[in-house]
Protein backbone atom coordinates (compact mmCIF):
# COMPACT_ATOMS: atom_id res chain seq x y z
CA MET A 1 -0.22 -0.32 0.08
CA ASN A 2 2.46 2.47 -0.75
CA GLY A 3 4.20 2.69 2.48
CA THR A 4 0.90 4.21 3.68
CA ALA A 5 0.38 3.91 7.63
CA THR A 6 -2.98 1.92 7.68
CA ILE A 7 -5.72 1.78 10.59
CA SER A 8 -8.83 -0.39 10.71
CA ILE A 9 -12.33 1.01 10.82
CA SER A 10 -13.35 0.04 13.44
CA LYS A 11 -10.25 1.55 15.30
CA LEU A 12 -10.77 3.97 13.66
CA ARG A 13 -14.47 4.21 15.06
CA GLU A 14 -12.76 3.94 18.70
CA ASN A 15 -10.01 6.76 18.36
CA ALA A 16 -11.60 9.84 16.16
CA ALA A 17 -9.97 11.63 17.31
CA LYS A 18 -7.00 10.87 18.65
CA VAL A 19 -6.19 8.56 15.16
CA ILE A 20 -7.14 12.73 13.27
CA ASP A 21 -4.98 14.51 15.66
CA GLU A 22 -1.99 12.32 15.16
CA VAL A 23 -3.22 12.52 11.13
CA THR A 24 -2.34 16.29 11.33
CA ARG A 25 0.80 16.10 13.45
CA LYS A 26 2.56 13.82 11.65
CA GLY A 27 1.75 15.32 7.79
CA GLU A 28 1.09 11.72 6.46
CA PRO A 29 -2.37 9.95 5.15
CA LEU A 30 -3.57 7.26 7.26
CA THR A 31 -5.45 4.29 4.99
CA ILE A 32 -8.33 2.99 6.27
CA LEU A 33 -9.09 -0.98 6.24
CA SER A 34 -12.44 -2.66 6.10
CA ARG A 35 -12.01 -6.23 6.07
CA SER A 36 -8.32 -5.56 5.05
CA GLU A 37 -9.39 -4.14 2.34
CA PRO A 38 -8.17 -0.40 1.61
CA LYS A 39 -11.69 1.79 1.53
CA ALA A 40 -10.73 4.97 2.60
CA VAL A 41 -7.62 7.32 2.86
CA ILE A 42 -7.89 10.43 5.52
CA ALA A 43 -5.38 13.09 5.12
CA ASP A 44 -3.83 16.61 6.36
CA TYR A 45 -6.26 19.18 5.33
CA GLU A 46 -2.96 20.98 4.02
CA TYR A 47 -1.81 17.92 2.55
CA PHE A 48 -4.89 17.51 0.78
CA LYS A 49 -5.51 20.55 -0.68
CA ALA A 50 -1.73 19.89 -1.84
CA LEU A 51 -2.50 17.15 -3.61
CA GLU A 52 -5.69 18.80 -5.34
CA GLU A 53 -3.41 21.08 -6.53
CA ALA A 54 -0.84 19.12 -8.44
CA VAL A 55 -4.04 17.67 -9.91
CA PHE A 56 -5.23 20.48 -11.46
CA ASP A 57 -2.00 21.82 -12.63
CA LEU A 58 -1.50 18.22 -14.04
CA THR A 59 -4.46 17.81 -15.89
CA ASP A 60 -3.75 21.93 -17.07
CA THR A 61 -1.05 21.40 -18.52
CA GLN A 62 -2.62 17.84 -20.31
CA GLU A 63 -4.69 20.40 -21.89
CA VAL A 64 -2.51 22.83 -22.86
CA GLU A 65 -0.58 20.42 -24.32
CA ARG A 66 -2.91 18.95 -26.15
CA ALA A 67 -4.05 22.03 -27.52
CA LYS A 68 -1.02 23.15 -29.41
CA LYS A 69 -1.31 19.88 -30.81
CA GLU A 70 -4.86 20.79 -32.85
CA SER A 71 -5.39 22.12 -35.62
CA ARG A 72 -5.30 26.37 -36.01
CA THR A 73 -6.98 28.68 -38.34
CA PRO A 74 -7.01 32.01 -38.54
CA LEU A 75 -9.48 34.56 -37.16
CA SER A 76 -9.75 35.80 -39.99
CA SER A 77 -10.69 32.54 -42.26
CA TYR A 78 -12.73 31.54 -39.42
CA ILE A 79 -14.63 34.67 -39.60
CA LYS A 80 -15.23 34.61 -43.56
CA LYS A 81 -16.51 31.06 -42.66
CA ARG A 82 -18.85 31.41 -39.76
CA TRP A 83 -20.42 34.63 -41.79
CA GLY A 84 -19.71 34.79 -45.00
CA THR A 85 -17.48 38.09 -44.66
CA GLU A 86 -15.58 39.50 -46.71
CA ASN A 87 -14.18 42.83 -45.47
CA ILE A 88 -12.31 42.46 -42.47
């Protein structure tokens, strides 16, 4: 599980406040297990926000790369085709 610490859901129920405090203090995510299967992750808020920002940055970068590969039409050609305007 990528070296991430784990806790069973039953232990989490017993010690939720303590577990959240520990996750916040350490700044590392904690995987919640149900019947030995990973079901969820508890993460410090700042860690989560950093991950979220990284995902947005990655998707923005991928979108830019896709846009670079698209064919381009000069604005004058687009206007002529769209509205049939000869004088621009």
